[in-house]
Amino acid sequence: MKRGTWGGAVLLLAAAAVQAACEGDPAPTEPPPVDDSIRRIGGERPATMIRPQDYVEGTPIPIVIALHGFTSNAGDTDSYFGLSRRVDTDRIALILPNGTRNPDGLSFWNATDFCCDGYGTGVDDVGYLNSLVEEAASHVTPDGVYLVGLSNGAFMSYRMACESMPGLRAIVPVAGTSFDDPAVCEDARPVSVLHIHGTNDDIIRYGGGGSADGPRYPGARDTVKRWAARAGCDLDASESLSRVDLDWTLDGAETSRRLYSTGCAEGIKVELWTVQAGAHVPAFTPDDIGRRIIAWLLD
């Protein structure tokens, strides 16, 4: 287009715009409102925080943090547990953080000596998660902190319990356990624990494992009993609860449940949900498992 033609076209467009405005055409539409329920926290290690859409400032609200497995991410873990779907219904604030990446580019949490800082980076994930809760307090008024973790994230939830994370009330570890040496967590404050584990888990074995000359991890039953004992529960007075159907690939109510609550410190309960024939990542239905987990945490 010649220079003169281009200039003429601009003038024609401008005139048309003025004429349209004078003829009463509607003003340009406003951009859609920003979803104020979603916040970005964490600074250089950003995490997503979601609070109820109608949250009223100053209202106490539980903070739930979802911790992903080795090589995974926050989004996949949220989809697996269906937690963000519970934010408005159950009145929780949800934090979705990511671990760091090792030299192979795989995401991990520096949880225990067994899992999963294989390169020995020593990244301070304990400090990072504590800082997220501290920052979240500028967006909501916390009413306790609750952790849900899968595999490496389950190990990390146990580490945070061992480190007596400020405000921590309960954890739900799935397919992951704690330090093999119980003395590491000897001084930890008691918290409620719901441990979920499949008996056919060939990654983190239900009965415990590890290498003969390297780090090891305790089994599901031993881990649960340790935390029940830490809370002062009577280990001989555990209850067998009704079985439930959690894994849609397995027939019937495949998951047995054992509860430790007698003699426990006030407000503490410890449960083991054993998914008979369940794999490392049980086939949960997100709406079902999310509802069950949040109900258990807030009970």
Protein backbone atom coordinates (compact mmCIF):
# COMPACT_ATOMS: atom_id res chain seq x y z
CA MET A 1 0.00 0.00 0.00
CA LYS A 2 1.30 3.47 -0.90
CA ARG A 3 2.00 5.93 1.91
CA GLY A 4 -0.83 8.23 0.83
CA THR A 5 -3.31 5.37 0.59
CA TRP A 6 -2.38 4.11 4.10
CA GLY A 7 -2.87 7.57 5.58
CA GLY A 8 -6.22 7.92 3.90
CA ALA A 9 -7.34 4.56 5.19
CA VAL A 10 -6.46 5.57 8.74
CA LEU A 11 -8.48 8.76 8.44
CA LEU A 12 -11.47 6.85 7.08
CA LEU A 13 -11.30 4.35 9.95
CA ALA A 14 -11.07 7.15 12.50
CA ALA A 15 -14.04 8.94 10.99
CA ALA A 16 -16.08 5.74 11.00
CA ALA A 17 -15.26 5.20 14.66
CA VAL A 18 -16.39 8.72 15.58
CA GLN A 19 -19.59 8.31 13.59
CA ALA A 20 -20.35 4.99 15.28
CA ALA A 21 -19.86 6.55 18.70
CA CYS A 22 -22.18 9.41 17.84
CA GLU A 23 -24.82 6.96 16.66
CA GLY A 24 -24.91 5.42 20.14
CA ASP A 25 -23.07 2.14 19.59
CA PRO A 26 -22.35 0.41 22.89
CA ALA A 27 -19.04 1.13 24.56
CA PRO A 28 -16.34 -1.55 24.39
CA THR A 29 -17.07 -4.39 26.77
CA GLU A 30 -15.11 -4.59 30.01
CA PRO A 31 -12.59 -7.44 30.38
CA PRO A 32 -13.87 -10.38 32.40
CA PRO A 33 -13.29 -10.01 36.15
CA VAL A 34 -10.20 -11.65 37.64
CA ASP A 35 -10.94 -14.69 39.79
CA ASP A 36 -10.01 -13.31 43.20
CA SER A 37 -10.15 -16.78 44.74
CA ILE A 38 -6.90 -17.84 43.05
CA ARG A 39 -3.67 -16.37 44.41
CA ARG A 40 0.00 -16.80 43.51
CA ILE A 41 2.31 -17.25 46.49
CA GLY A 42 5.83 -18.58 47.03
CA GLY A 43 8.01 -15.97 45.34
CA GLU A 44 10.75 -17.64 43.29
CA ARG A 45 9.09 -21.02 43.90
CA PRO A 46 5.52 -20.09 43.02
CA ALA A 47 2.57 -22.10 44.29
CA THR A 48 -1.13 -21.75 43.58
CA MET A 49 -3.45 -20.94 46.45
CA ILE A 50 -7.22 -21.26 46.08
CA ARG A 51 -9.70 -19.98 48.63
CA PRO A 52 -13.53 -20.01 48.50
CA GLN A 53 -14.94 -17.52 46.04
CA ASP A 54 -17.06 -15.87 48.72
CA TYR A 55 -14.39 -15.94 51.42
CA VAL A 56 -14.89 -13.21 54.02
CA GLU A 57 -11.66 -11.64 55.25
CA GLY A 58 -10.84 -12.61 58.82
CA THR A 59 -12.86 -15.83 58.79
CA PRO A 60 -10.81 -18.77 60.15
CA ILE A 61 -10.36 -21.43 57.47
CA PRO A 62 -8.40 -24.72 57.26
CA ILE A 63 -5.34 -24.73 54.98
CA VAL A 64 -4.83 -27.95 53.01
CA ILE A 65 -1.56 -28.53 51.14
CA ALA A 66 -1.34 -31.21 48.42
CA LEU A 67 2.11 -32.75 47.88
CA HIS A 68 2.83 -34.52 44.60
CA GLY A 69 4.84 -37.66 43.99
CA PHE A 70 8.31 -38.09 42.48
CA THR A 71 8.39 -36.80 38.84
CA SER A 72 4.82 -35.50 39.16
CA ASN A 73 3.40 -32.01 39.71
CA ALA A 74 0.79 -30.11 41.68
CA GLY A 75 -1.80 -30.07 38.91
CA ASP A 76 -1.80 -33.82 38.40
CA THR A 77 -2.00 -34.44 42.14
CA ASP A 78 -4.92 -32.06 42.50
CA SER A 79 -6.71 -33.89 39.68
CA TYR A 80 -5.99 -37.25 41.32
CA PHE A 81 -7.40 -36.27 44.72
CA GLY A 82 -10.05 -33.85 43.43
CA LEU A 83 -9.16 -31.35 46.14
CA SER A 84 -9.77 -28.07 44.32
CA ARG A 85 -13.35 -29.24 43.76
CA ARG A 86 -13.82 -29.21 47.54
CA VAL A 87 -12.69 -25.63 48.18
CA ASP A 88 -16.10 -23.97 48.02
CA THR A 89 -18.09 -26.96 49.28
CA ASP A 90 -15.94 -27.73 52.33
CA ARG A 91 -14.71 -24.19 53.00
CA ILE A 92 -10.97 -24.84 52.78
CA ALA A 93 -8.00 -22.93 51.41
CA LEU A 94 -5.91 -25.17 49.14
CA ILE A 95 -2.21 -24.72 48.38
CA LEU A 96 -0.72 -26.52 45.37
CA PRO A 97 3.11 -26.34 45.46
CA ASN A 98 5.76 -28.08 43.36
CA GLY A 99 9.03 -29.59 44.45
CA THR A 100 12.31 -28.71 42.76
CA ARG A 101 13.94 -30.57 39.84
CA ASN A 102 16.99 -32.79 40.15
CA PRO A 103 19.80 -32.83 37.55
CA ASP A 104 17.71 -35.26 35.48
CA GLY A 105 14.90 -32.71 35.34
CA LEU A 106 12.63 -34.79 37.59
CA SER A 107 10.58 -33.09 40.30
CA PHE A 108 11.00 -34.25 43.90
CA TRP A 109 10.63 -33.39 47.57
CA ASN A 110 13.59 -33.68 49.96
CA ALA A 111 11.61 -35.80 52.40
CA THR A 112 13.59 -38.63 54.02
CA ASP A 113 16.94 -40.33 53.58
CA PHE A 114 15.16 -42.90 51.39
CA CYS A 115 13.02 -40.56 49.32
CA CYS A 116 13.70 -38.65 47.16
CA ASP A 117 16.69 -36.30 47.06
CA GLY A 118 18.82 -38.85 45.21
CA TYR A 119 21.44 -36.29 44.18
CA GLY A 120 21.86 -34.91 47.68
CA THR A 121 20.91 -31.35 46.82
CA GLY A 122 19.81 -30.70 50.40
CA VAL A 123 17.04 -28.36 49.25
CA ASP A 124 15.15 -26.98 52.25
CA ASP A 125 11.61 -28.12 51.44
CA VAL A 126 10.66 -27.97 55.12
CA GLY A 127 11.44 -24.27 55.20
CA TYR A 128 9.72 -23.74 51.87
CA LEU A 129 6.43 -25.34 52.94
CA ASN A 130 6.48 -23.49 56.24
CA SER A 131 7.01 -20.23 54.35
CA LEU A 132 3.97 -20.95 52.15
CA VAL A 133 1.76 -21.28 55.21
CA GLU A 134 3.20 -18.08 56.65
CA GLU A 135 2.51 -16.23 53.39
CA ALA A 136 -0.96 -17.76 53.07
CA ALA A 137 -1.83 -16.09 56.36
CA SER A 138 -1.80 -12.75 54.52
CA HIS A 139 -4.62 -14.01 52.30
CA VAL A 140 -6.71 -16.01 54.79
CA THR A 141 -6.96 -16.50 58.54
CA PRO A 142 -5.61 -20.05 59.10
CA ASP A 143 -7.55 -22.55 61.16
CA GLY A 144 -5.03 -25.37 61.22
CA VAL A 145 -2.81 -26.88 58.53
CA TYR A 146 -3.46 -30.25 56.85
CA LEU A 147 -1.24 -32.19 54.43
CA VAL A 148 -2.25 -34.67 51.74
CA GLY A 149 0.62 -36.44 49.98
CA LEU A 150 1.10 -39.13 47.34
CA SER A 151 4.24 -41.32 47.29
CA ASN A 152 7.19 -38.88 47.62
CA GLY A 153 4.60 -36.34 48.80
CA ALA A 154 3.48 -38.82 51.47
CA PHE A 155 7.08 -39.11 52.70
CA MET A 156 7.20 -35.31 52.78
CA SER A 157 4.00 -35.11 54.82
CA TYR A 158 5.56 -37.43 57.39
CA ARG A 159 8.72 -35.32 57.45
CA MET A 160 6.68 -32.18 58.12
CA ALA A 161 4.99 -34.02 60.99
CA CYS A 162 8.40 -35.08 62.30
CA GLU A 163 9.57 -31.46 62.10
CA SER A 164 6.47 -30.29 64.03
CA MET A 165 5.27 -27.96 61.27
CA PRO A 166 3.60 -24.94 62.91
CA GLY A 167 -0.18 -25.30 62.93
CA LEU A 168 -0.12 -28.87 61.56
CA ARG A 169 -3.06 -30.92 62.80
CA ALA A 170 -3.32 -33.92 60.48
CA ILE A 171 -1.76 -35.64 57.48
CA VAL A 172 -3.06 -38.06 54.86
CA PRO A 173 -0.10 -39.95 53.34
CA VAL A 174 -0.89 -42.27 50.41
CA ALA A 175 1.69 -44.88 49.34
CA GLY A 176 4.57 -43.45 51.34
CA THR A 177 6.00 -43.81 54.84
CA SER A 178 8.44 -42.16 57.24
CA PHE A 179 12.06 -42.37 58.36
CA ASP A 180 13.20 -45.89 59.11
CA ASP A 181 14.82 -44.76 62.35
CA PRO A 182 12.01 -43.78 64.77
CA ALA A 183 14.45 -41.65 66.79
CA VAL A 184 14.43 -39.06 63.98
CA CYS A 185 10.86 -38.15 64.93
CA GLU A 186 11.22 -38.74 68.65
CA ASP A 187 10.49 -35.15 69.67
CA ALA A 188 7.65 -34.54 67.21
CA ARG A 189 4.27 -33.31 68.39
CA PRO A 190 1.45 -35.84 67.88
CA VAL A 191 -0.83 -35.26 64.91
CA SER A 192 -3.73 -37.19 63.44
CA VAL A 193 -2.73 -39.57 60.64
CA LEU A 194 -4.73 -41.30 57.94
CA HIS A 195 -2.33 -43.65 56.15
CA ILE A 196 -3.62 -45.21 52.89
CA HIS A 197 -1.58 -47.95 51.22
CA GLY A 198 -2.09 -50.75 48.70
CA THR A 199 -0.86 -54.25 49.57
CA ASN A 200 0.35 -54.78 45.98
CA ASP A 201 2.40 -51.58 45.93
CA ASP A 202 5.65 -52.60 44.21
CA ILE A 203 7.27 -49.16 44.48
CA ILE A 204 6.87 -48.39 48.19
CA ARG A 205 6.06 -51.78 49.65
CA TYR A 206 3.29 -52.13 52.18
CA GLY A 207 5.57 -54.11 54.52
CA GLY A 208 8.52 -51.74 54.21
CA GLY A 209 11.76 -52.10 52.30
CA GLY A 210 14.79 -50.39 50.83
CA SER A 211 18.30 -51.62 50.09
CA ALA A 212 20.32 -53.92 52.32
CA ASP A 213 23.25 -51.51 52.52
CA GLY A 214 21.40 -48.22 52.06
CA PRO A 215 18.41 -46.25 53.28
CA ARG A 216 15.28 -48.14 54.23
CA TYR A 217 11.69 -47.27 55.11
CA PRO A 218 9.22 -48.83 57.57
CA GLY A 219 6.02 -50.62 56.55
CA ALA A 220 2.55 -49.12 56.71
CA ARG A 221 1.51 -50.90 59.91
CA ASP A 222 4.73 -50.04 61.76
CA THR A 223 4.52 -46.40 60.69
CA VAL A 224 0.92 -46.05 61.84
CA LYS A 225 1.62 -47.70 65.18
CA ARG A 226 4.53 -45.33 65.80
CA TRP A 227 2.33 -42.28 65.33
CA ALA A 228 -0.44 -43.81 67.40
CA ALA A 229 2.03 -44.50 70.20
CA ARG A 230 3.40 -40.96 69.89
CA ALA A 231 -0.12 -39.68 70.57
CA GLY A 232 -0.47 -41.95 73.59
CA CYS A 233 -3.06 -44.22 71.94
CA ASP A 234 -3.70 -47.65 73.38
CA LEU A 235 -2.33 -49.94 70.66
CA ASP A 236 -4.22 -52.92 72.08
CA ALA A 237 -7.57 -51.14 71.83
CA SER A 238 -7.68 -50.47 68.11
CA GLU A 239 -10.99 -50.84 66.25
CA SER A 240 -11.79 -52.47 62.95
CA LEU A 241 -14.11 -50.17 61.00
CA SER A 242 -16.39 -51.17 58.13
CA ARG A 243 -14.68 -51.78 54.81
CA VAL A 244 -15.03 -49.24 51.99
CA ASP A 245 -14.76 -49.30 48.22
CA LEU A 246 -12.05 -46.87 47.13
CA ASP A 247 -10.40 -48.46 44.08
CA TRP A 248 -12.81 -48.72 41.13
CA THR A 249 -10.67 -51.39 39.44
CA LEU A 250 -11.08 -53.81 42.35
CA ASP A 251 -14.28 -55.68 43.15
CA GLY A 252 -16.29 -54.93 46.27
CA ALA A 253 -15.25 -53.07 49.39
CA GLU A 254 -11.57 -53.84 49.11
CA THR A 255 -10.25 -51.38 51.70
CA SER A 256 -10.06 -52.36 55.36
CA ARG A 257 -9.79 -49.67 58.03
CA ARG A 258 -8.17 -49.78 61.46
CA LEU A 259 -8.65 -46.96 63.93
CA TYR A 260 -6.56 -46.01 66.95
CA SER A 261 -8.42 -43.52 69.14
CA THR A 262 -8.60 -44.98 72.67
CA GLY A 263 -6.30 -43.13 75.05
CA CYS A 264 -5.00 -40.79 72.34
CA ALA A 265 -4.16 -37.19 73.07
CA GLU A 266 -7.21 -34.95 72.81
CA GLY A 267 -8.35 -34.45 69.25
CA ILE A 268 -5.96 -37.08 67.84
CA LYS A 269 -6.87 -40.21 65.91
CA VAL A 270 -4.75 -42.48 63.75
CA GLU A 271 -6.08 -44.73 61.00
CA LEU A 272 -4.69 -47.23 58.50
CA TRP A 273 -6.69 -47.84 55.33
CA THR A 274 -5.34 -50.94 53.60
CA VAL A 275 -6.28 -51.29 49.94
CA GLN A 276 -6.22 -55.06 49.42
CA ALA A 277 -4.47 -55.79 46.10
CA GLY A 278 -4.10 -52.04 45.59
CA ALA A 279 -1.24 -50.73 43.45
CA HIS A 280 1.23 -47.94 44.19
CA VAL A 281 -1.24 -45.41 42.81
CA PRO A 282 -4.71 -46.81 43.61
CA ALA A 283 -7.44 -46.08 41.10
CA PHE A 284 -9.45 -43.60 43.12
CA THR A 285 -12.40 -41.63 41.81
CA PRO A 286 -11.44 -37.98 42.47
CA ASP A 287 -14.86 -36.86 43.70
CA ASP A 288 -15.08 -39.81 46.09
CA ILE A 289 -11.56 -39.76 47.53
CA GLY A 290 -11.51 -35.97 47.80
CA ARG A 291 -14.78 -35.96 49.73
CA ARG A 292 -13.57 -38.73 52.06
CA ILE A 293 -10.19 -37.15 52.74
CA ILE A 294 -11.45 -33.66 53.51
CA ALA A 295 -14.25 -35.05 55.67
CA TRP A 296 -11.70 -37.10 57.63
CA LEU A 297 -9.31 -34.17 58.04
CA LEU A 298 -11.98 -31.82 59.30
CA ASP A 299 -13.78 -34.33 61.51
